[in-house]
Amino acid sequence: MRSTVWAIAAAPAPPVIEFDPAGNVVQAWGAIHAPEKPQPGSDPYNRGPAKEVLVGKQVSGPYPDGLWPISEHGIYLDYKNNVWVTSQTNPSQVLKFTRDGKFLKQFGEGKEAASSMDTKNFAGPTQIYVDPKTNEAYISDGYRNRRIIVLDADTGAFKRMWGAYGKPPQDPQQKDAFGSDRSKDNFSVTHCIMSANDDLLYVCDRANSRVQVFKKDGTYVNEVFIGDVEHPGAKTHLGTAWSVGFSPDKDQRFMYVADGTNKKIWILNRKDLKVLGSFGSGGRQGGQFQTIHVLGVDSKGNIYAGETLSGNRVQRFLFTGLRPAK
């Protein structure tokens, strides 16, 4: 499989773009769209059903009516070369396509989940991981729901789900993306999920500023708090655990954590979750971040960091080898 970078973009670009490692566009597809102009007094967090309109010249499709969401959030290339896209906006859904953009399946019934215990619908899904051993899709369903949900990656049949510390998911659903109703006992903006080579799952509990580790049956293993504040109180503090990635060595010795609030990438020893260092700072220059949203690591150890809000770019950081700490 060739090494490429997949990104979510906004109009006037197609929403799905594949780049080569040098930043050249390989392909782009999906419905080019923009949200319908909000009505005065509407909910800024899109808890009510939203609408989208096509804009500009379409480069692919057509796609089924109502298929494309207002706000794509996560993208994932599975072991079968299928591309998964999550929609965080009501009505939430998870979409699966071929690598060249042919629509395969919609997960979710096209309506918002009423609670975190709903086994057929989502409420703010963020990221996906598909296990090649079991063909199960693990979905962090976390902007309004508070859980990890596991489905059959082909049929969508429900398998299992869990919340913080491996306990059953707990409602009420979240009020907003800030985690203003955050609780240590619940997930608060479940923002990513990633599997390591030893089959441990790493879940970003963003607003609680922590990464929790689980076995694939949902058994809780460990957690680490990221950054200077374990439980930030300010509503404008979005939390520190946004995305994770691992070094490409067999043991995946290092874990990288994207911190969109403190505008840096943390480096941890994956085995004991001890923080080893960090890089990055706030700003618009190369090597700085506005709001780092997601990261990925290629087979050579290079790190790709995608920014959101006012950042709107992908940066590549070249791995140059290990050196003694100063």
C-alpha atoms as a PDB file:
ATOM      1  CA  MET A   1       0.000   0.000   0.000  1.00  0.00           C
ATOM      2  CA  ARG A   2       1.417   3.375  -1.016  1.00  0.00           C
ATOM      3  CA  SER A   3       2.180   5.932   1.688  1.00  0.00           C
ATOM      4  CA  THR A   4      -0.155   8.912   1.432  1.00  0.00           C
ATOM      5  CA  VAL A   5      -1.840  11.457   3.683  1.00  0.00           C
ATOM      6  CA  TRP A   6      -5.621  11.812   3.886  1.00  0.00           C
ATOM      7  CA  ALA A   7      -7.237  15.063   4.990  1.00  0.00           C
ATOM      8  CA  ILE A   8     -10.656  16.622   5.506  1.00  0.00           C
ATOM      9  CA  ALA A   9     -11.080  20.007   3.823  1.00  0.00           C
ATOM     10  CA  ALA A  10     -13.744  22.692   3.503  1.00  0.00           C
ATOM     11  CA  ALA A  11     -15.297  24.400   0.466  1.00  0.00           C
ATOM     12  CA  PRO A  12     -14.272  25.414  -2.133  1.00  0.00           C
ATOM     13  CA  ALA A  13     -12.127  22.245  -2.003  1.00  0.00           C
ATOM     14  CA  PRO A  14     -13.661  18.753  -2.114  1.00  0.00           C
ATOM     15  CA  PRO A  15     -14.021  17.450   1.455  1.00  0.00           C
ATOM     16  CA  VAL A  16     -11.699  14.425   1.014  1.00  0.00           C
ATOM     17  CA  ILE A  17      -8.172  15.003  -0.275  1.00  0.00           C
ATOM     18  CA  GLU A  18      -5.328  12.496  -0.620  1.00  0.00           C
ATOM     19  CA  PHE A  19      -1.768  13.889  -0.684  1.00  0.00           C
ATOM     20  CA  ASP A  20       1.577  12.277  -1.310  1.00  0.00           C
ATOM     21  CA  PRO A  21       4.234  12.804   1.419  1.00  0.00           C
ATOM     22  CA  ALA A  22       5.562  15.873  -0.410  1.00  0.00           C
ATOM     23  CA  GLY A  23       2.173  17.590  -0.293  1.00  0.00           C
ATOM     24  CA  ASN A  24       1.086  17.002  -3.894  1.00  0.00           C
ATOM     25  CA  VAL A  25      -2.595  16.205  -4.434  1.00  0.00           C
ATOM     26  CA  VAL A  26      -3.144  12.598  -5.516  1.00  0.00           C
ATOM     27  CA  GLN A  27      -6.919  12.804  -5.728  1.00  0.00           C
ATOM     28  CA  ALA A  28      -9.874  14.671  -4.242  1.00  0.00           C
ATOM     29  CA  TRP A  29     -13.532  13.737  -4.026  1.00  0.00           C
ATOM     30  CA  GLY A  30     -16.810  14.183  -2.184  1.00  0.00           C
ATOM     31  CA  ALA A  31     -19.651  16.665  -2.327  1.00  0.00           C
ATOM     32  CA  ILE A  32     -18.374  20.257  -2.202  1.00  0.00           C
ATOM     33  CA  HIS A  33     -20.778  21.882   0.212  1.00  0.00           C
ATOM     34  CA  ALA A  34     -21.335  24.584   2.780  1.00  0.00           C
ATOM     35  CA  PRO A  35     -23.808  24.905   5.648  1.00  0.00           C
ATOM     36  CA  GLU A  36     -27.078  26.610   5.013  1.00  0.00           C
ATOM     37  CA  LYS A  37     -27.025  30.094   6.499  1.00  0.00           C
ATOM     38  CA  PRO A  38     -28.067  29.725  10.163  1.00  0.00           C
ATOM     39  CA  GLN A  39     -31.223  31.399  11.331  1.00  0.00           C
ATOM     40  CA  PRO A  40     -31.050  34.072  14.050  1.00  0.00           C
ATOM     41  CA  GLY A  41     -31.083  32.472  17.480  1.00  0.00           C
ATOM     42  CA  SER A  42     -30.115  29.003  16.195  1.00  0.00           C
ATOM     43  CA  ASP A  43     -28.000  26.650  18.310  1.00  0.00           C
ATOM     44  CA  PRO A  44     -24.281  27.237  17.515  1.00  0.00           C
ATOM     45  CA  TYR A  45     -23.461  23.643  18.527  1.00  0.00           C
ATOM     46  CA  ASN A  46     -25.820  22.125  15.933  1.00  0.00           C
ATOM     47  CA  ARG A  47     -27.889  20.062  18.340  1.00  0.00           C
ATOM     48  CA  GLY A  48     -30.827  20.423  15.984  1.00  0.00           C
ATOM     49  CA  PRO A  49     -30.853  18.896  12.471  1.00  0.00           C
ATOM     50  CA  ALA A  50     -28.689  20.924  10.104  1.00  0.00           C
ATOM     51  CA  LYS A  51     -28.853  21.352   6.337  1.00  0.00           C
ATOM     52  CA  GLU A  52     -26.164  21.718   3.713  1.00  0.00           C
ATOM     53  CA  VAL A  53     -26.125  23.045   0.171  1.00  0.00           C
ATOM     54  CA  LEU A  54     -23.867  22.136  -2.750  1.00  0.00           C
ATOM     55  CA  VAL A  55     -21.544  24.898  -3.912  1.00  0.00           C
ATOM     56  CA  GLY A  56     -19.380  25.365  -6.983  1.00  0.00           C
ATOM     57  CA  LYS A  57     -18.467  22.806  -9.621  1.00  0.00           C
ATOM     58  CA  GLN A  58     -18.717  19.236  -8.309  1.00  0.00           C
ATOM     59  CA  VAL A  59     -15.765  16.964  -9.133  1.00  0.00           C
ATOM     60  CA  SER A  60     -17.333  13.644  -8.075  1.00  0.00           C
ATOM     61  CA  GLY A  61     -20.665  12.037  -7.302  1.00  0.00           C
ATOM     62  CA  PRO A  62     -23.556  12.535  -7.354  1.00  0.00           C
ATOM     63  CA  TYR A  63     -24.090  11.172  -3.853  1.00  0.00           C
ATOM     64  CA  PRO A  64     -27.423  10.174  -2.287  1.00  0.00           C
ATOM     65  CA  ASP A  65     -29.514  13.110  -1.094  1.00  0.00           C
ATOM     66  CA  GLY A  66     -28.665  14.104   2.457  1.00  0.00           C
ATOM     67  CA  LEU A  67     -25.598  11.874   2.570  1.00  0.00           C
ATOM     68  CA  TRP A  68     -22.886  14.485   2.991  1.00  0.00           C
ATOM     69  CA  PRO A  69     -22.765  16.090   6.431  1.00  0.00           C
ATOM     70  CA  ILE A  70     -22.313  19.722   7.301  1.00  0.00           C
ATOM     71  CA  SER A  71     -19.203  19.022   9.331  1.00  0.00           C
ATOM     72  CA  GLU A  72     -16.950  16.086   8.464  1.00  0.00           C
ATOM     73  CA  HIS A  73     -14.674  15.356  11.384  1.00  0.00           C
ATOM     74  CA  GLY A  74     -12.519  12.218  11.157  1.00  0.00           C
ATOM     75  CA  ILE A  75     -11.084  10.219   8.258  1.00  0.00           C
ATOM     76  CA  TYR A  76      -9.586   6.719   8.322  1.00  0.00           C
ATOM     77  CA  LEU A  77      -8.177   4.312   5.705  1.00  0.00           C
ATOM     78  CA  ASP A  78      -8.845   0.699   6.739  1.00  0.00           C
ATOM     79  CA  TYR A  79      -6.992  -2.522   5.948  1.00  0.00           C
ATOM     80  CA  LYS A  80      -9.303  -3.174   2.969  1.00  0.00           C
ATOM     81  CA  ASN A  81      -8.410   0.225   1.474  1.00  0.00           C
ATOM     82  CA  ASN A  82     -11.818   1.670   2.314  1.00  0.00           C
ATOM     83  CA  VAL A  83     -12.110   5.284   3.440  1.00  0.00           C
ATOM     84  CA  TRP A  84     -14.263   6.111   6.477  1.00  0.00           C
ATOM     85  CA  VAL A  85     -15.583   9.604   7.252  1.00  0.00           C
ATOM     86  CA  THR A  86     -17.392  10.684  10.410  1.00  0.00           C
ATOM     87  CA  SER A  87     -20.034  13.390  10.635  1.00  0.00           C
ATOM     88  CA  GLN A  88     -20.145  15.212  13.955  1.00  0.00           C
ATOM     89  CA  THR A  89     -23.172  17.325  13.048  1.00  0.00           C
ATOM     90  CA  ASN A  90     -26.778  16.362  13.717  1.00  0.00           C
ATOM     91  CA  PRO A  91     -27.905  14.074  12.162  1.00  0.00           C
ATOM     92  CA  SER A  92     -24.722  12.164  12.989  1.00  0.00           C
ATOM     93  CA  GLN A  93     -23.476   9.355  10.784  1.00  0.00           C
ATOM     94  CA  VAL A  94     -20.427   7.367   9.740  1.00  0.00           C
ATOM     95  CA  LEU A  95     -19.818   6.872   6.012  1.00  0.00           C
ATOM     96  CA  LYS A  96     -17.698   4.295   4.172  1.00  0.00           C
ATOM     97  CA  PHE A  97     -16.315   4.697   0.635  1.00  0.00           C
ATOM     98  CA  THR A  98     -13.893   2.982  -1.701  1.00  0.00           C
ATOM     99  CA  ARG A  99     -10.495   4.602  -1.984  1.00  0.00           C
ATOM    100  CA  ASP A 100     -11.588   6.479  -5.107  1.00  0.00           C
ATOM    101  CA  GLY A 101     -14.787   7.805  -3.525  1.00  0.00           C
ATOM    102  CA  LYS A 102     -17.519   5.315  -4.455  1.00  0.00           C
ATOM    103  CA  PHE A 103     -20.142   5.264  -1.708  1.00  0.00           C
ATOM    104  CA  LEU A 104     -20.393   1.897   0.085  1.00  0.00           C
ATOM    105  CA  LYS A 105     -22.411   2.256   3.275  1.00  0.00           C
ATOM    106  CA  GLN A 106     -23.938   4.665   5.761  1.00  0.00           C
ATOM    107  CA  PHE A 107     -23.763   3.629   9.418  1.00  0.00           C
ATOM    108  CA  GLY A 108     -26.524   5.150  11.491  1.00  0.00           C
ATOM    109  CA  GLU A 109     -30.138   5.614  10.459  1.00  0.00           C
ATOM    110  CA  GLY A 110     -29.777   9.249   9.493  1.00  0.00           C
ATOM    111  CA  LYS A 111     -31.044  10.588  12.783  1.00  0.00           C
ATOM    112  CA  GLU A 112     -29.431  11.703  16.020  1.00  0.00           C
ATOM    113  CA  ALA A 113     -29.003   9.215  18.887  1.00  0.00           C
ATOM    114  CA  ALA A 114     -31.302  10.004  21.778  1.00  0.00           C
ATOM    115  CA  SER A 115     -28.799   8.722  24.336  1.00  0.00           C
ATOM    116  CA  SER A 116     -25.381   7.112  24.738  1.00  0.00           C
ATOM    117  CA  MET A 117     -27.116   3.716  24.956  1.00  0.00           C
ATOM    118  CA  ASP A 118     -28.590   3.942  21.411  1.00  0.00           C
ATOM    119  CA  THR A 119     -27.101   1.029  19.417  1.00  0.00           C
ATOM    120  CA  LYS A 120     -28.283   2.199  15.981  1.00  0.00           C
ATOM    121  CA  ASN A 121     -27.340   5.888  15.858  1.00  0.00           C
ATOM    122  CA  PHE A 122     -24.581   8.293  16.863  1.00  0.00           C
ATOM    123  CA  ALA A 123     -24.338  11.714  18.467  1.00  0.00           C
ATOM    124  CA  GLY A 124     -21.133  13.420  17.379  1.00  0.00           C
ATOM    125  CA  PRO A 125     -18.831  10.586  16.178  1.00  0.00           C
ATOM    126  CA  THR A 126     -15.241  11.714  15.811  1.00  0.00           C
ATOM    127  CA  GLN A 127     -12.833   8.948  14.724  1.00  0.00           C
ATOM    128  CA  ILE A 128     -12.701   5.295  13.626  1.00  0.00           C
ATOM    129  CA  TYR A 129     -10.371   2.336  13.900  1.00  0.00           C
ATOM    130  CA  VAL A 130     -11.066  -0.940  12.030  1.00  0.00           C
ATOM    131  CA  ASP A 131      -9.477  -4.091  13.451  1.00  0.00           C
ATOM    132  CA  PRO A 132      -8.110  -6.302  10.619  1.00  0.00           C
ATOM    133  CA  LYS A 133      -8.237  -9.363  12.885  1.00  0.00           C
ATOM    134  CA  THR A 134     -11.967  -9.170  13.599  1.00  0.00           C
ATOM    135  CA  ASN A 135     -13.300  -6.701  10.995  1.00  0.00           C
ATOM    136  CA  GLU A 136     -14.791  -4.654  13.838  1.00  0.00           C
ATOM    137  CA  ALA A 137     -15.100  -0.871  13.632  1.00  0.00           C
ATOM    138  CA  TYR A 138     -14.338   1.015  16.857  1.00  0.00           C
ATOM    139  CA  ILE A 139     -15.922   4.461  16.828  1.00  0.00           C
ATOM    140  CA  SER A 140     -15.294   7.274  19.309  1.00  0.00           C
ATOM    141  CA  ASP A 141     -18.800   8.718  19.583  1.00  0.00           C
ATOM    142  CA  GLY A 142     -18.015  11.744  21.582  1.00  0.00           C
ATOM    143  CA  TYR A 143     -19.267  15.254  20.879  1.00  0.00           C
ATOM    144  CA  ARG A 144     -22.642  14.606  22.488  1.00  0.00           C
ATOM    145  CA  ASN A 145     -22.563  10.907  23.354  1.00  0.00           C
ATOM    146  CA  ARG A 146     -19.958   9.672  25.847  1.00  0.00           C
ATOM    147  CA  ARG A 147     -18.715   6.326  24.586  1.00  0.00           C
ATOM    148  CA  ILE A 148     -16.786   3.956  22.386  1.00  0.00           C
ATOM    149  CA  ILE A 149     -19.109   1.853  20.245  1.00  0.00           C
ATOM    150  CA  VAL A 150     -18.040  -1.252  18.291  1.00  0.00           C
ATOM    151  CA  LEU A 151     -19.826  -2.424  15.129  1.00  0.00           C
ATOM    152  CA  ASP A 152     -19.316  -5.008  12.415  1.00  0.00           C
ATOM    153  CA  ALA A 153     -17.403  -3.068   9.765  1.00  0.00           C
ATOM    154  CA  ASP A 154     -19.458  -4.540   6.913  1.00  0.00           C
ATOM    155  CA  THR A 155     -22.997  -4.947   8.237  1.00  0.00           C
ATOM    156  CA  GLY A 156     -23.027  -2.340  11.009  1.00  0.00           C
ATOM    157  CA  ALA A 157     -24.311  -4.902  13.520  1.00  0.00           C
ATOM    158  CA  PHE A 158     -23.823  -3.757  17.103  1.00  0.00           C
ATOM    159  CA  LYS A 159     -21.156  -5.606  19.103  1.00  0.00           C
ATOM    160  CA  ARG A 160     -20.464  -3.703  22.349  1.00  0.00           C
ATOM    161  CA  MET A 161     -19.814  -0.279  23.866  1.00  0.00           C
ATOM    162  CA  TRP A 162     -18.322   1.325  26.947  1.00  0.00           C
ATOM    163  CA  GLY A 163     -17.689   4.640  28.647  1.00  0.00           C
ATOM    164  CA  ALA A 164     -14.923   6.022  30.849  1.00  0.00           C
ATOM    165  CA  TYR A 165     -12.995   3.425  32.886  1.00  0.00           C
ATOM    166  CA  GLY A 166     -14.753   0.669  30.894  1.00  0.00           C
ATOM    167  CA  LYS A 167     -18.079   1.278  32.616  1.00  0.00           C
ATOM    168  CA  PRO A 168     -21.418   1.528  30.787  1.00  0.00           C
ATOM    169  CA  PRO A 169     -21.819   4.886  29.025  1.00  0.00           C
ATOM    170  CA  GLN A 170     -23.558   7.511  31.137  1.00  0.00           C
ATOM    171  CA  ASP A 171     -25.926  10.298  30.125  1.00  0.00           C
ATOM    172  CA  PRO A 172     -26.972  13.097  30.033  1.00  0.00           C
ATOM    173  CA  GLN A 173     -25.455  13.857  26.673  1.00  0.00           C
ATOM    174  CA  GLN A 174     -22.932  16.673  26.529  1.00  0.00           C
ATOM    175  CA  LYS A 175     -24.089  20.254  26.211  1.00  0.00           C
ATOM    176  CA  ASP A 176     -21.315  21.547  23.974  1.00  0.00           C
ATOM    177  CA  ALA A 177     -17.887  20.935  22.456  1.00  0.00           C
ATOM    178  CA  PHE A 178     -16.145  22.697  25.344  1.00  0.00           C
ATOM    179  CA  GLY A 179     -16.999  19.946  27.805  1.00  0.00           C
ATOM    180  CA  SER A 180     -18.588  22.561  30.062  1.00  0.00           C
ATOM    181  CA  ASP A 181     -20.376  19.714  31.873  1.00  0.00           C
ATOM    182  CA  ARG A 182     -17.222  17.566  32.055  1.00  0.00           C
ATOM    183  CA  SER A 183     -16.989  14.883  34.713  1.00  0.00           C
ATOM    184  CA  LYS A 184     -14.098  12.620  35.712  1.00  0.00           C
ATOM    185  CA  ASP A 185     -16.448   9.625  35.795  1.00  0.00           C
ATOM    186  CA  ASN A 186     -17.658  10.204  32.227  1.00  0.00           C
ATOM    187  CA  PHE A 187     -16.017  10.714  28.882  1.00  0.00           C
ATOM    188  CA  SER A 188     -16.165  14.394  27.929  1.00  0.00           C
ATOM    189  CA  VAL A 189     -15.651  14.842  24.177  1.00  0.00           C
ATOM    190  CA  THR A 190     -14.308  11.429  23.153  1.00  0.00           C
ATOM    191  CA  HIS A 191     -12.135  12.730  20.339  1.00  0.00           C
ATOM    192  CA  CYS A 192      -9.975   9.875  19.016  1.00  0.00           C
ATOM    193  CA  ILE A 193      -9.332   6.145  19.112  1.00  0.00           C
ATOM    194  CA  MET A 194      -6.169   4.354  18.008  1.00  0.00           C
ATOM    195  CA  SER A 195      -4.874   0.780  18.354  1.00  0.00           C
ATOM    196  CA  ALA A 196      -1.259  -0.120  19.071  1.00  0.00           C
ATOM    197  CA  ASN A 197       0.549  -3.232  17.815  1.00  0.00           C
ATOM    198  CA  ASP A 198      -0.064  -4.981  21.148  1.00  0.00           C
ATOM    199  CA  ASP A 199      -3.849  -4.575  20.673  1.00  0.00           C
ATOM    200  CA  LEU A 200      -4.269  -1.908  23.336  1.00  0.00           C
ATOM    201  CA  LEU A 201      -6.710   0.870  22.447  1.00  0.00           C
ATOM    202  CA  TYR A 202      -5.915   4.512  23.209  1.00  0.00           C
ATOM    203  CA  VAL A 203      -8.876   6.876  23.583  1.00  0.00           C
ATOM    204  CA  CYS A 204      -8.628  10.680  23.683  1.00  0.00           C
ATOM    205  CA  ASP A 205     -10.964  12.060  26.362  1.00  0.00           C
ATOM    206  CA  ARG A 206     -10.336  15.586  25.166  1.00  0.00           C
ATOM    207  CA  ALA A 207     -12.229  17.845  27.573  1.00  0.00           C
ATOM    208  CA  ASN A 208     -10.974  15.797  30.521  1.00  0.00           C
ATOM    209  CA  SER A 209      -7.419  16.284  29.193  1.00  0.00           C
ATOM    210  CA  ARG A 210      -6.523  12.605  29.356  1.00  0.00           C
ATOM    211  CA  VAL A 211      -5.869   9.504  27.291  1.00  0.00           C
ATOM    212  CA  GLN A 212      -7.408   6.279  28.587  1.00  0.00           C
ATOM    213  CA  VAL A 213      -6.098   2.842  27.609  1.00  0.00           C
ATOM    214  CA  PHE A 214      -8.317  -0.219  27.118  1.00  0.00           C
ATOM    215  CA  LYS A 215      -8.254  -3.799  25.961  1.00  0.00           C
ATOM    216  CA  LYS A 216     -10.420  -4.434  22.921  1.00  0.00           C
ATOM    217  CA  ASP A 217     -13.210  -5.883  25.036  1.00  0.00           C
ATOM    218  CA  GLY A 218     -13.484  -2.551  26.852  1.00  0.00           C
ATOM    219  CA  THR A 219     -11.490  -3.509  29.940  1.00  0.00           C
ATOM    220  CA  TYR A 220      -9.838  -0.426  31.432  1.00  0.00           C
ATOM    221  CA  VAL A 221      -6.023  -0.567  31.703  1.00  0.00           C
ATOM    222  CA  ASN A 222      -4.569   2.854  32.506  1.00  0.00           C
ATOM    223  CA  GLU A 223      -4.790   6.600  31.906  1.00  0.00           C
ATOM    224  CA  VAL A 224      -2.541   9.628  31.600  1.00  0.00           C
ATOM    225  CA  PHE A 225      -3.421  13.305  31.997  1.00  0.00           C
ATOM    226  CA  ILE A 226      -1.940  15.581  29.356  1.00  0.00           C
ATOM    227  CA  GLY A 227      -0.604  19.086  29.940  1.00  0.00           C
ATOM    228  CA  ASP A 228      -0.575  21.285  32.991  1.00  0.00           C
ATOM    229  CA  VAL A 229      -4.226  21.046  34.063  1.00  0.00           C
ATOM    230  CA  GLU A 230      -6.013  17.780  34.753  1.00  0.00           C
ATOM    231  CA  HIS A 231      -9.534  19.204  34.894  1.00  0.00           C
ATOM    232  CA  PRO A 232      -9.609  22.708  33.407  1.00  0.00           C
ATOM    233  CA  GLY A 233     -12.507  24.789  34.629  1.00  0.00           C
ATOM    234  CA  ALA A 234     -12.723  27.543  32.041  1.00  0.00           C
ATOM    235  CA  LYS A 235     -15.426  26.991  29.436  1.00  0.00           C
ATOM    236  CA  THR A 236     -13.084  28.182  26.707  1.00  0.00           C
ATOM    237  CA  HIS A 237     -10.511  25.481  27.583  1.00  0.00           C
ATOM    238  CA  LEU A 238     -11.155  22.709  25.030  1.00  0.00           C
ATOM    239  CA  GLY A 239      -8.945  20.139  26.792  1.00  0.00           C
ATOM    240  CA  THR A 240      -5.525  18.823  25.845  1.00  0.00           C
ATOM    241  CA  ALA A 241      -5.918  15.259  24.440  1.00  0.00           C
ATOM    242  CA  TRP A 242      -6.979  15.699  20.814  1.00  0.00           C
ATOM    243  CA  SER A 243      -5.265  12.919  18.833  1.00  0.00           C
ATOM    244  CA  VAL A 244      -2.638  10.209  19.297  1.00  0.00           C
ATOM    245  CA  GLY A 245      -0.079   8.437  17.147  1.00  0.00           C
ATOM    246  CA  PHE A 246       2.781   5.992  17.703  1.00  0.00           C
ATOM    247  CA  SER A 247       6.369   5.653  16.550  1.00  0.00           C
ATOM    248  CA  PRO A 248       6.721   3.016  13.789  1.00  0.00           C
ATOM    249  CA  ASP A 249       9.166   0.672  15.574  1.00  0.00           C
ATOM    250  CA  LYS A 250       7.860  -2.792  16.431  1.00  0.00           C
ATOM    251  CA  ASP A 251       7.249  -1.941  20.087  1.00  0.00           C
ATOM    252  CA  GLN A 252       5.923   1.535  19.290  1.00  0.00           C
ATOM    253  CA  ARG A 253       8.075   2.942  22.038  1.00  0.00           C
ATOM    254  CA  PHE A 254       6.805   6.513  21.757  1.00  0.00           C
ATOM    255  CA  MET A 255       3.297   7.929  21.819  1.00  0.00           C
ATOM    256  CA  TYR A 256       2.578  11.378  20.422  1.00  0.00           C
ATOM    257  CA  VAL A 257      -0.396  13.402  21.679  1.00  0.00           C
ATOM    258  CA  ALA A 258      -1.766  16.426  19.824  1.00  0.00           C
ATOM    259  CA  ASP A 259      -2.713  19.221  22.227  1.00  0.00           C
ATOM    260  CA  GLY A 260      -4.840  21.813  20.443  1.00  0.00           C
ATOM    261  CA  THR A 261      -5.243  23.992  23.518  1.00  0.00           C
ATOM    262  CA  ASN A 262      -1.565  24.359  24.458  1.00  0.00           C
ATOM    263  CA  LYS A 263      -0.575  24.283  20.760  1.00  0.00           C
ATOM    264  CA  LYS A 264       2.017  21.519  20.947  1.00  0.00           C
ATOM    265  CA  ILE A 265       2.669  17.805  20.476  1.00  0.00           C
ATOM    266  CA  TRP A 266       3.596  15.833  23.584  1.00  0.00           C
ATOM    267  CA  ILE A 267       6.025  12.885  23.456  1.00  0.00           C
ATOM    268  CA  LEU A 268       5.396  10.040  25.920  1.00  0.00           C
ATOM    269  CA  ASN A 269       6.933   6.674  26.688  1.00  0.00           C
ATOM    270  CA  ARG A 270       4.047   4.450  25.591  1.00  0.00           C
ATOM    271  CA  LYS A 271       4.820   1.673  28.072  1.00  0.00           C
ATOM    272  CA  ASP A 272       4.573   3.709  31.281  1.00  0.00           C
ATOM    273  CA  LEU A 273       2.862   6.851  29.848  1.00  0.00           C
ATOM    274  CA  LYS A 274       5.576   9.127  31.249  1.00  0.00           C
ATOM    275  CA  VAL A 275       5.973  12.472  29.455  1.00  0.00           C
ATOM    276  CA  LEU A 276       9.403  12.790  27.807  1.00  0.00           C
ATOM    277  CA  GLY A 277       9.057  16.171  26.141  1.00  0.00           C
ATOM    278  CA  SER A 278       7.097  18.210  23.633  1.00  0.00           C
ATOM    279  CA  PHE A 279       7.503  20.423  20.579  1.00  0.00           C
ATOM    280  CA  GLY A 280       5.568  23.255  18.992  1.00  0.00           C
ATOM    281  CA  SER A 281       4.228  26.607  20.138  1.00  0.00           C
ATOM    282  CA  GLY A 282       1.441  29.008  19.289  1.00  0.00           C
ATOM    283  CA  GLY A 283       1.683  30.905  16.016  1.00  0.00           C
ATOM    284  CA  ARG A 284       1.310  30.758  12.242  1.00  0.00           C
ATOM    285  CA  GLN A 285       4.905  30.074  11.223  1.00  0.00           C
ATOM    286  CA  GLY A 286       6.305  26.697  10.248  1.00  0.00           C
ATOM    287  CA  GLY A 287       6.532  24.462  13.310  1.00  0.00           C
ATOM    288  CA  GLN A 288       3.947  26.501  15.188  1.00  0.00           C
ATOM    289  CA  PHE A 289       0.264  25.697  15.647  1.00  0.00           C
ATOM    290  CA  GLN A 290      -3.006  27.574  15.767  1.00  0.00           C
ATOM    291  CA  THR A 291      -5.171  24.615  16.778  1.00  0.00           C
ATOM    292  CA  ILE A 292      -3.663  21.186  16.131  1.00  0.00           C
ATOM    293  CA  HIS A 293      -6.589  18.814  15.663  1.00  0.00           C
ATOM    294  CA  VAL A 294      -5.179  15.499  14.464  1.00  0.00           C
ATOM    295  CA  LEU A 295      -1.839  13.816  13.859  1.00  0.00           C
ATOM    296  CA  GLY A 296      -0.491  10.773  12.053  1.00  0.00           C
ATOM    297  CA  VAL A 297       2.872   9.020  11.856  1.00  0.00           C
ATOM    298  CA  ASP A 298       4.226   7.329   8.718  1.00  0.00           C
ATOM    299  CA  SER A 299       6.472   4.267   8.400  1.00  0.00           C
ATOM    300  CA  LYS A 300       9.606   6.438   8.560  1.00  0.00           C
ATOM    301  CA  GLY A 301       8.585   8.142  11.802  1.00  0.00           C
ATOM    302  CA  ASN A 302       7.600  11.450  10.212  1.00  0.00           C
ATOM    303  CA  ILE A 303       4.698  13.210  11.916  1.00  0.00           C
ATOM    304  CA  TYR A 304       1.853  14.900  10.040  1.00  0.00           C
ATOM    305  CA  ALA A 305      -0.180  17.454  11.989  1.00  0.00           C
ATOM    306  CA  GLY A 306      -3.533  18.754  10.774  1.00  0.00           C
ATOM    307  CA  GLU A 307      -4.850  22.066  12.100  1.00  0.00           C
ATOM    308  CA  THR A 308      -8.425  23.304  12.402  1.00  0.00           C
ATOM    309  CA  LEU A 309     -10.298  26.528  13.176  1.00  0.00           C
ATOM    310  CA  SER A 310      -7.963  29.291  11.942  1.00  0.00           C
ATOM    311  CA  GLY A 311      -5.071  26.907  11.178  1.00  0.00           C
ATOM    312  CA  ASN A 312      -6.409  25.115   8.091  1.00  0.00           C
ATOM    313  CA  ARG A 313      -3.224  23.320   7.053  1.00  0.00           C
ATOM    314  CA  VAL A 314      -1.205  20.114   7.370  1.00  0.00           C
ATOM    315  CA  GLN A 315       2.439  20.268   8.489  1.00  0.00           C
ATOM    316  CA  ARG A 316       5.056  17.531   8.190  1.00  0.00           C
ATOM    317  CA  PHE A 317       7.793  17.063  10.812  1.00  0.00           C
ATOM    318  CA  LEU A 318      10.724  14.921   9.650  1.00  0.00           C
ATOM    319  CA  PHE A 319      12.091  12.263  11.980  1.00  0.00           C
ATOM    320  CA  THR A 320      15.875  12.675  12.110  1.00  0.00           C
ATOM    321  CA  GLY A 321      16.770   9.985  14.642  1.00  0.00           C
ATOM    322  CA  LEU A 322      17.228   9.686  18.379  1.00  0.00           C
ATOM    323  CA  ARG A 323      19.641  11.882  20.303  1.00  0.00           C
ATOM    324  CA  PRO A 324      20.596  12.082  23.994  1.00  0.00           C
ATOM    325  CA  ALA A 325      18.360  14.390  26.006  1.00  0.00           C
ATOM    326  CA  LYS A 326      19.957  17.736  26.886  1.00  0.00           C
END
